[in-house]
Amino acid sequence: MHQIVKSFHDYWTSLKGEGDVPLFLDFNIAEVPTEAVPYLSLIQVEENPRRFKYRLAGTSIAAAYSEDISGKYLDELDMGGNQKRYLEDFNRVVDSRTTNNRQESYTLEDGTRYSFEGWLFPFVGLEGKVSRIVILAVDSYNRPTSAVPCFLSSLSK
């Protein structure tokens, strides 16, 4: 497990307390290990039909896609032919209320190579259902992440 992943995993675990999944209201970006912030994306789980919307995408993800993908749905993105597997991963996290991880490499349609260690961390809403997923995708190519403050200010809005 990459050290950045371990630091966020420890944070997520500390929020769980006695429960199996932490409450999203307890998530506080100011308490997240600083080195993890550029690699985080916040996903909103929508139901009927179930879709996964990027509410905020970390600067490392934006660098990999050469654009901010905030506001887009997972099924709208170029995932290098892996969309079906990723949708299965996201659904598994919601249904099982557990983390999911994978190491992956793929090439986007524009030729950009993307290689990462990715984790999905579920969070529940007040009704007890998984309503948010935090993605931590540590980019193996270490693209620039100079817009970290932009992510922090967006999350506080």
Protein backbone atom coordinates (compact mmCIF):
# COMPACT_ATOMS: atom_id res chain seq x y z
CA MET A 1 0.00 0.00 0.00
CA HIS A 2 1.39 3.38 -1.05
CA GLN A 3 2.20 5.66 1.94
CA ILE A 4 -0.31 8.28 0.74
CA VAL A 5 -3.01 5.61 0.61
CA LYS A 6 -2.07 4.38 4.08
CA SER A 7 -2.33 7.89 5.52
CA PHE A 8 -5.85 8.37 4.12
CA HIS A 9 -6.90 4.82 5.04
CA ASP A 10 -5.86 5.54 8.63
CA TYR A 11 -7.92 8.76 8.58
CA TRP A 12 -10.99 6.94 7.14
CA THR A 13 -10.64 4.16 9.72
CA SER A 14 -10.46 6.71 12.54
CA LEU A 15 -13.82 8.14 11.42
CA LYS A 16 -15.57 4.75 11.50
CA GLY A 17 -15.56 4.42 15.26
CA GLU A 18 -17.68 1.38 16.12
CA GLY A 19 -19.52 1.45 12.77
CA ASP A 20 -18.62 -0.25 9.52
CA VAL A 21 -18.65 2.96 7.43
CA PRO A 22 -18.00 6.54 8.55
CA LEU A 23 -20.64 9.25 8.36
CA PHE A 24 -19.92 11.75 5.59
CA LEU A 25 -20.71 14.61 7.95
CA ASP A 26 -17.59 13.63 9.90
CA PHE A 27 -15.37 14.03 6.83
CA ASN A 28 -13.28 17.19 7.17
CA ILE A 29 -10.82 18.05 4.41
CA ALA A 30 -8.76 20.08 6.88
CA GLU A 31 -8.06 16.84 8.78
CA VAL A 32 -7.07 14.82 5.71
CA PRO A 33 -3.31 14.25 5.42
CA THR A 34 -2.11 17.07 3.16
CA GLU A 35 -0.18 14.75 0.85
CA ALA A 36 -3.41 12.89 -0.01
CA VAL A 37 -5.51 15.91 -1.03
CA PRO A 38 -4.40 16.20 -4.71
CA TYR A 39 -5.31 12.54 -5.26
CA LEU A 40 -8.82 12.68 -3.78
CA SER A 41 -12.08 12.91 -5.66
CA LEU A 42 -15.53 13.13 -4.10
CA ILE A 43 -18.28 11.08 -5.72
CA GLN A 44 -21.98 11.54 -5.06
CA VAL A 45 -24.03 8.34 -5.33
CA GLU A 46 -27.33 8.98 -7.10
CA GLU A 47 -30.13 6.41 -7.11
CA ASN A 48 -32.95 5.56 -9.54
CA PRO A 49 -31.02 5.07 -11.72
CA ARG A 50 -27.78 4.60 -9.84
CA ARG A 51 -25.06 6.87 -11.18
CA PHE A 52 -21.83 8.23 -9.79
CA LYS A 53 -21.16 11.95 -10.12
CA TYR A 54 -17.78 13.58 -9.56
CA ARG A 55 -18.65 16.44 -7.22
CA LEU A 56 -14.98 17.38 -6.97
CA ALA A 57 -11.95 15.90 -8.70
CA GLY A 58 -8.48 16.13 -7.24
CA THR A 59 -5.82 18.06 -9.07
CA SER A 60 -3.90 14.90 -9.94
CA ILE A 61 -7.03 13.54 -11.68
CA ALA A 62 -7.53 16.85 -13.48
CA ALA A 63 -3.89 16.72 -14.62
CA ALA A 64 -4.32 13.18 -15.94
CA TYR A 65 -7.45 14.17 -17.90
CA SER A 66 -6.09 17.61 -18.84
CA GLU A 67 -9.36 19.06 -17.55
CA ASP A 68 -11.41 19.34 -14.40
CA ILE A 69 -13.91 16.47 -14.49
CA SER A 70 -15.94 17.82 -11.56
CA GLY A 71 -19.65 17.65 -12.39
CA LYS A 72 -19.29 14.73 -14.79
CA TYR A 73 -20.62 11.23 -14.29
CA LEU A 74 -18.38 8.19 -14.20
CA ASP A 75 -20.18 6.72 -17.21
CA GLU A 76 -19.34 9.84 -19.26
CA LEU A 77 -15.57 9.58 -18.84
CA ASP A 78 -12.88 7.95 -20.93
CA MET A 79 -11.71 5.09 -18.74
CA GLY A 80 -9.53 3.41 -21.32
CA GLY A 81 -12.12 0.70 -21.99
CA ASN A 82 -12.50 -0.14 -18.29
CA GLN A 83 -15.83 1.56 -17.59
CA LYS A 84 -17.78 -1.65 -16.96
CA ARG A 85 -15.23 -2.86 -14.39
CA TYR A 86 -15.15 0.51 -12.64
CA LEU A 87 -18.94 0.68 -12.46
CA GLU A 88 -18.89 -2.81 -10.93
CA ASP A 89 -16.31 -1.62 -8.37
CA PHE A 90 -18.41 1.43 -7.44
CA ASN A 91 -21.58 -0.63 -7.14
CA ARG A 92 -19.77 -3.19 -4.99
CA VAL A 93 -18.61 -0.44 -2.61
CA VAL A 94 -22.16 0.89 -2.25
CA ASP A 95 -23.78 -2.53 -1.86
CA SER A 96 -21.16 -4.13 0.41
CA ARG A 97 -20.24 -0.95 2.35
CA THR A 98 -16.56 -1.83 2.08
CA THR A 99 -13.49 -0.31 0.44
CA ASN A 100 -12.28 -1.45 -2.95
CA ASN A 101 -8.84 -1.11 -4.46
CA ARG A 102 -6.93 -1.86 -7.62
CA GLN A 103 -3.70 -1.04 -9.39
CA GLU A 104 -4.40 -0.09 -12.97
CA SER A 105 -2.80 1.22 -16.12
CA TYR A 106 -4.61 2.34 -19.23
CA THR A 107 -4.39 4.76 -22.13
CA LEU A 108 -6.97 7.49 -22.71
CA GLU A 109 -8.31 8.15 -26.20
CA ASP A 110 -5.96 11.13 -26.55
CA GLY A 111 -2.95 8.85 -25.91
CA THR A 112 -2.35 9.91 -22.31
CA ARG A 113 -1.05 6.98 -20.28
CA TYR A 114 -2.55 6.69 -16.81
CA SER A 115 -1.20 4.37 -14.13
CA PHE A 116 -2.38 4.48 -10.53
CA GLU A 117 -3.15 2.77 -7.26
CA GLY A 118 -6.82 3.49 -6.65
CA TRP A 119 -9.03 3.04 -3.61
CA LEU A 120 -12.74 3.68 -3.09
CA PHE A 121 -13.81 4.67 0.44
CA PRO A 122 -17.56 4.66 1.23
CA PHE A 123 -19.29 7.21 3.45
CA VAL A 124 -22.89 7.08 4.63
CA GLY A 125 -25.47 9.82 4.92
CA LEU A 126 -27.80 10.36 7.87
CA GLU A 127 -30.17 7.70 6.52
CA GLY A 128 -27.39 5.09 6.84
CA LYS A 129 -26.95 4.40 3.12
CA VAL A 130 -23.71 4.93 1.21
CA SER A 131 -24.21 8.34 -0.37
CA ARG A 132 -20.63 9.42 -1.05
CA ILE A 133 -17.46 7.70 -2.15
CA VAL A 134 -14.05 9.24 -1.79
CA ILE A 135 -11.64 8.06 -4.45
CA LEU A 136 -7.96 8.10 -3.72
CA ALA A 137 -6.03 7.53 -6.95
CA VAL A 138 -2.28 7.95 -6.59
CA ASP A 139 -0.93 8.66 -10.06
CA SER A 140 2.25 6.70 -10.74
CA TYR A 141 3.43 9.37 -13.16
CA ASN A 142 3.35 12.10 -10.48
CA ARG A 143 1.80 14.75 -12.68
CA PRO A 144 1.89 18.32 -11.36
CA THR A 145 -0.66 19.09 -8.67
CA SER A 146 -0.17 22.81 -8.25
CA ALA A 147 -3.90 23.55 -7.94
CA VAL A 148 -4.31 21.93 -4.51
CA PRO A 149 -5.71 25.12 -2.92
CA CYS A 150 -8.40 25.17 -5.64
CA PHE A 151 -9.63 21.73 -4.49
CA LEU A 152 -9.64 22.82 -0.86
CA SER A 153 -11.64 25.98 -1.54
CA SER A 154 -14.12 24.11 -3.74
CA LEU A 155 -14.83 21.57 -1.02
CA SER A 156 -15.68 24.25 1.50
CA LYS A 157 -18.37 25.80 -0.74
